Amino acid sequence: MRLFLTTALVLSLVVPMALAAPGTHTLPYKDFHDQMVKFYGQGHDRLALRLSVQPTNDKQQLDAPVTLVVTAPEGRVDLPVDADNAVDIPFRPDWVQASAMVTINQAADTYKMKAQIGMKVEPGTTRIAYADVKAAFDQFDKLIEKEAGAVSFLAPSAKTLRLFCGKDCTVTLEGTKGPRVLKADDRGRVNVPNDKGLVKENPVLVVSRSVAYTVLTTKG
């Protein structure tokens, strides 16, 4: 499994073929771990890694519901999958040592694993200091530079934090310049810019609805 970095830092985890029953795909947990280890424990305490199962062809749907099952020393472990097919894959080095396997109920050529990096937000959070947003932007930039390596001077920088909270969601910036309201787009995302003026003002972001998840991007 290889990790691909794009300018938006949307990382595709492309899994190799493995023996499995028709309509399923089984691969070593190690393939996931070897990519996740690049993220966890690397000074990314402000960031969150979100993995989801997506169709390789946008015109085709996945077999529903999507399931991922780990065959581990403790037995069968069903991994939680949400309505958007985001999956909670735990970081378990001990599963690597035990040669644990992951079975996905999708044919190997019909799906891909998509990884997105966002700002870590606790469930139910409705108030966020812009200083915390800026700290996430900075860690995201360092991650991009590390992945870019020798050509890091060409790497893009973080421009936007997308808060996924629904089409009727709003974010009110409460600061010394008075309240300003950011509205969600037609995809239910409120876009918070990486802005020097906001860094200086450090307003509080008041979210009208709980944030489902966040994505940091180099796009405006």
Protein backbone atom coordinates (compact mmCIF):
# COMPACT_ATOMS: atom_id res chain seq x y z
CA MET A 1 0.00 0.00 0.00
CA ARG A 2 1.43 3.37 -1.01
CA LEU A 3 0.69 6.88 0.13
CA PHE A 4 0.17 9.60 -2.47
CA LEU A 5 0.39 13.29 -1.58
CA THR A 6 -1.57 15.89 -3.53
CA THR A 7 -1.63 19.65 -3.20
CA ALA A 8 -4.81 19.37 -1.14
CA LEU A 9 -3.17 16.67 0.97
CA VAL A 10 -5.83 14.14 0.11
CA LEU A 11 -3.94 10.91 0.48
CA SER A 12 -5.01 7.81 -1.45
CA LEU A 13 -4.09 4.54 0.14
CA VAL A 14 -3.86 2.11 -2.77
CA VAL A 15 -3.99 -1.49 -1.59
CA PRO A 16 -2.40 -4.45 -3.38
CA MET A 17 -4.33 -7.49 -4.53
CA ALA A 18 -4.72 -10.31 -2.02
CA LEU A 19 -6.49 -13.65 -1.92
CA ALA A 20 -10.09 -13.28 -0.76
CA ALA A 21 -13.61 -14.49 -1.39
CA PRO A 22 -15.44 -12.93 -4.36
CA GLY A 23 -16.62 -9.45 -3.52
CA THR A 24 -14.17 -9.06 -0.65
CA HIS A 25 -10.56 -7.99 -0.27
CA THR A 26 -8.22 -9.21 2.46
CA LEU A 27 -4.84 -7.64 3.17
CA PRO A 28 -2.39 -7.42 6.07
CA TYR A 29 -3.09 -4.84 8.77
CA LYS A 30 0.60 -3.99 8.35
CA ASP A 31 -0.21 -2.29 5.03
CA PHE A 32 -2.34 0.25 6.90
CA HIS A 33 0.08 0.52 9.83
CA ASP A 34 3.07 1.29 7.60
CA GLN A 35 1.27 4.38 6.30
CA MET A 36 -0.33 5.42 9.60
CA VAL A 37 3.02 5.33 11.41
CA LYS A 38 4.11 8.28 9.25
CA PHE A 39 1.38 10.33 10.88
CA TYR A 40 1.02 9.15 14.47
CA GLY A 41 3.62 10.12 17.04
CA GLN A 42 5.24 12.70 14.77
CA GLY A 43 4.34 15.94 16.55
CA HIS A 44 0.90 16.13 14.99
CA ASP A 45 -1.11 16.53 18.18
CA ARG A 46 -3.30 19.23 16.58
CA LEU A 47 -4.15 17.09 13.57
CA ALA A 48 -6.58 14.24 12.92
CA LEU A 49 -6.29 11.53 10.27
CA ARG A 50 -9.57 10.49 8.62
CA LEU A 51 -9.72 7.34 6.50
CA SER A 52 -12.71 6.44 4.35
CA VAL A 53 -13.65 3.82 1.77
CA GLN A 54 -14.54 5.37 -1.58
CA PRO A 55 -15.43 3.90 -5.01
CA THR A 56 -12.67 3.90 -7.61
CA ASN A 57 -15.29 5.00 -10.13
CA ASP A 58 -17.49 7.88 -8.98
CA LYS A 59 -20.29 6.60 -11.21
CA GLN A 60 -20.47 3.29 -9.35
CA GLN A 61 -21.66 2.73 -5.81
CA LEU A 62 -20.01 0.60 -3.17
CA ASP A 63 -21.71 -2.51 -1.84
CA ALA A 64 -23.65 -1.31 1.20
CA PRO A 65 -23.14 -1.34 4.05
CA VAL A 66 -19.34 -1.12 3.96
CA THR A 67 -17.69 -3.32 6.58
CA LEU A 68 -14.10 -3.83 7.68
CA VAL A 69 -13.19 -6.76 9.92
CA VAL A 70 -9.82 -7.41 11.54
CA THR A 71 -8.75 -10.96 12.31
CA ALA A 72 -6.60 -10.31 15.38
CA PRO A 73 -5.22 -12.35 18.29
CA GLU A 74 -8.22 -11.35 20.41
CA GLY A 75 -10.58 -12.64 17.70
CA ARG A 76 -12.84 -10.87 15.21
CA VAL A 77 -12.78 -7.07 15.53
CA ASP A 78 -15.45 -5.13 13.61
CA LEU A 79 -14.19 -1.63 12.82
CA PRO A 80 -16.72 1.24 13.15
CA VAL A 81 -17.81 2.71 9.80
CA ASP A 82 -19.96 5.87 9.67
CA ALA A 83 -22.58 6.99 7.16
CA ASP A 84 -19.89 8.53 4.93
CA ASN A 85 -17.89 5.28 5.00
CA ALA A 86 -15.21 6.81 7.21
CA VAL A 87 -13.62 4.03 9.22
CA ASP A 88 -11.94 4.10 12.61
CA ILE A 89 -8.79 2.02 12.09
CA PRO A 90 -6.87 1.83 15.38
CA PHE A 91 -3.11 2.28 15.47
CA ARG A 92 -2.01 -1.11 16.82
CA PRO A 93 1.66 -2.06 16.42
CA ASP A 94 0.88 -5.32 18.26
CA TRP A 95 -1.43 -6.33 15.41
CA VAL A 96 1.51 -6.02 13.03
CA GLN A 97 3.55 -8.41 15.16
CA ALA A 98 0.60 -10.81 15.24
CA SER A 99 0.14 -10.68 11.43
CA ALA A 100 -3.45 -9.47 11.75
CA MET A 101 -5.50 -9.30 8.55
CA VAL A 102 -8.18 -6.84 7.43
CA THR A 103 -11.12 -7.94 5.27
CA ILE A 104 -13.17 -5.33 3.40
CA ASN A 105 -16.49 -6.38 1.87
CA GLN A 106 -15.65 -4.78 -1.49
CA ALA A 107 -13.93 -6.26 -4.53
CA ALA A 108 -10.33 -5.05 -4.71
CA ASP A 109 -10.75 -3.13 -7.97
CA THR A 110 -13.94 -1.33 -6.90
CA TYR A 111 -12.72 0.75 -3.96
CA LYS A 112 -9.90 2.92 -2.71
CA MET A 113 -8.93 4.13 0.73
CA LYS A 114 -9.01 7.91 0.97
CA ALA A 115 -7.14 9.72 3.71
CA GLN A 116 -7.74 13.32 4.73
CA ILE A 117 -5.99 15.37 7.36
CA GLY A 118 -7.90 17.83 9.46
CA MET A 119 -7.78 19.70 12.72
CA LYS A 120 -8.45 17.58 15.78
CA VAL A 121 -11.83 18.61 17.22
CA GLU A 122 -13.49 16.89 20.17
CA PRO A 123 -17.04 15.59 19.59
CA GLY A 124 -19.66 18.20 20.42
CA THR A 125 -17.24 21.12 20.09
CA THR A 126 -18.96 24.43 19.26
CA ARG A 127 -16.27 26.95 20.27
CA ILE A 128 -12.77 27.01 18.80
CA ALA A 129 -10.05 29.62 19.38
CA TYR A 130 -8.48 30.81 16.13
CA ALA A 131 -5.07 30.33 17.80
CA ASP A 132 -5.81 26.59 17.83
CA VAL A 133 -6.75 26.74 14.15
CA LYS A 134 -3.46 28.48 13.38
CA ALA A 135 -1.54 25.82 15.31
CA ALA A 136 -3.19 23.16 13.14
CA PHE A 137 -2.31 25.11 9.98
CA ASP A 138 1.34 25.25 11.10
CA GLN A 139 1.56 21.51 11.83
CA PHE A 140 -0.11 20.78 8.50
CA ASP A 141 2.50 22.89 6.69
CA LYS A 142 5.32 21.02 8.45
CA LEU A 143 3.77 17.72 7.38
CA ILE A 144 3.59 18.89 3.76
CA GLU A 145 7.23 20.02 3.88
CA LYS A 146 8.32 16.66 5.29
CA GLU A 147 6.48 14.73 2.58
CA ALA A 148 7.86 17.04 -0.12
CA GLY A 149 11.45 16.46 1.01
CA ALA A 150 14.07 18.05 -1.23
CA VAL A 151 11.45 20.04 -3.13
CA SER A 152 9.78 21.40 0.00
CA PHE A 153 10.40 24.95 -1.24
CA LEU A 154 7.87 24.19 -3.99
CA ALA A 155 5.28 22.75 -1.63
CA PRO A 156 2.00 24.65 -1.18
CA SER A 157 0.92 25.87 2.24
CA ALA A 158 -2.34 25.52 4.14
CA LYS A 159 -5.01 27.97 3.05
CA THR A 160 -8.30 26.73 4.47
CA LEU A 161 -9.83 24.73 7.30
CA ARG A 162 -13.08 23.15 6.20
CA LEU A 163 -15.58 22.46 8.98
CA PHE A 164 -18.13 19.85 7.90
CA CYS A 165 -21.22 20.66 9.93
CA GLY A 166 -24.18 20.69 7.51
CA LYS A 167 -25.67 23.00 4.88
CA ASP A 168 -27.48 25.16 7.46
CA CYS A 169 -24.38 25.49 9.65
CA THR A 170 -22.76 28.85 10.37
CA VAL A 171 -19.57 29.91 12.11
CA THR A 172 -19.54 33.26 13.90
CA LEU A 173 -16.16 34.89 14.39
CA GLU A 174 -16.32 36.69 17.74
CA GLY A 175 -13.41 39.08 18.16
CA THR A 176 -12.37 42.69 18.65
CA LYS A 177 -13.62 43.63 15.17
CA GLY A 178 -17.14 42.53 15.96
CA PRO A 179 -19.03 39.38 14.97
CA ARG A 180 -18.77 38.08 11.41
CA VAL A 181 -20.71 35.10 10.10
CA LEU A 182 -19.33 32.44 7.75
CA LYS A 183 -21.98 30.30 6.05
CA ALA A 184 -21.72 26.73 4.84
CA ASP A 185 -21.48 26.01 1.12
CA ASP A 186 -23.75 23.61 -0.77
CA ARG A 187 -21.65 20.70 0.47
CA GLY A 188 -22.13 21.59 4.12
CA ARG A 189 -18.64 23.01 4.63
CA VAL A 190 -17.78 26.23 6.42
CA ASN A 191 -14.43 27.45 5.09
CA VAL A 192 -12.17 29.19 7.59
CA PRO A 193 -9.18 30.94 5.95
CA ASN A 194 -5.57 30.99 7.05
CA ASP A 195 -5.47 34.76 7.50
CA LYS A 196 -2.82 37.00 9.09
CA GLY A 197 -5.48 39.42 10.28
CA LEU A 198 -7.34 36.65 12.08
CA VAL A 199 -4.09 35.43 13.62
CA LYS A 200 -3.55 38.89 15.11
CA GLU A 201 -7.16 39.26 16.27
CA ASN A 202 -7.52 35.65 17.48
CA PRO A 203 -11.33 35.52 17.47
CA VAL A 204 -13.36 32.63 18.84
CA LEU A 205 -15.16 30.50 16.26
CA VAL A 206 -18.69 29.78 17.45
CA VAL A 207 -20.18 26.91 15.44
CA SER A 208 -23.97 26.68 15.24
CA ARG A 209 -23.90 22.89 14.96
CA SER A 210 -21.57 20.13 16.08
CA VAL A 211 -18.69 19.55 13.68
CA ALA A 212 -18.77 16.10 12.06
CA TYR A 213 -15.16 16.35 10.90
CA THR A 214 -12.63 18.80 9.50
CA VAL A 215 -10.28 18.90 6.52
CA LEU A 216 -7.20 21.07 6.04
CA THR A 217 -6.43 22.00 2.46
CA THR A 218 -4.04 24.03 0.35
CA LYS A 219 -7.00 25.26 -1.69
CA GLY A 220 -8.96 28.43 -1.00
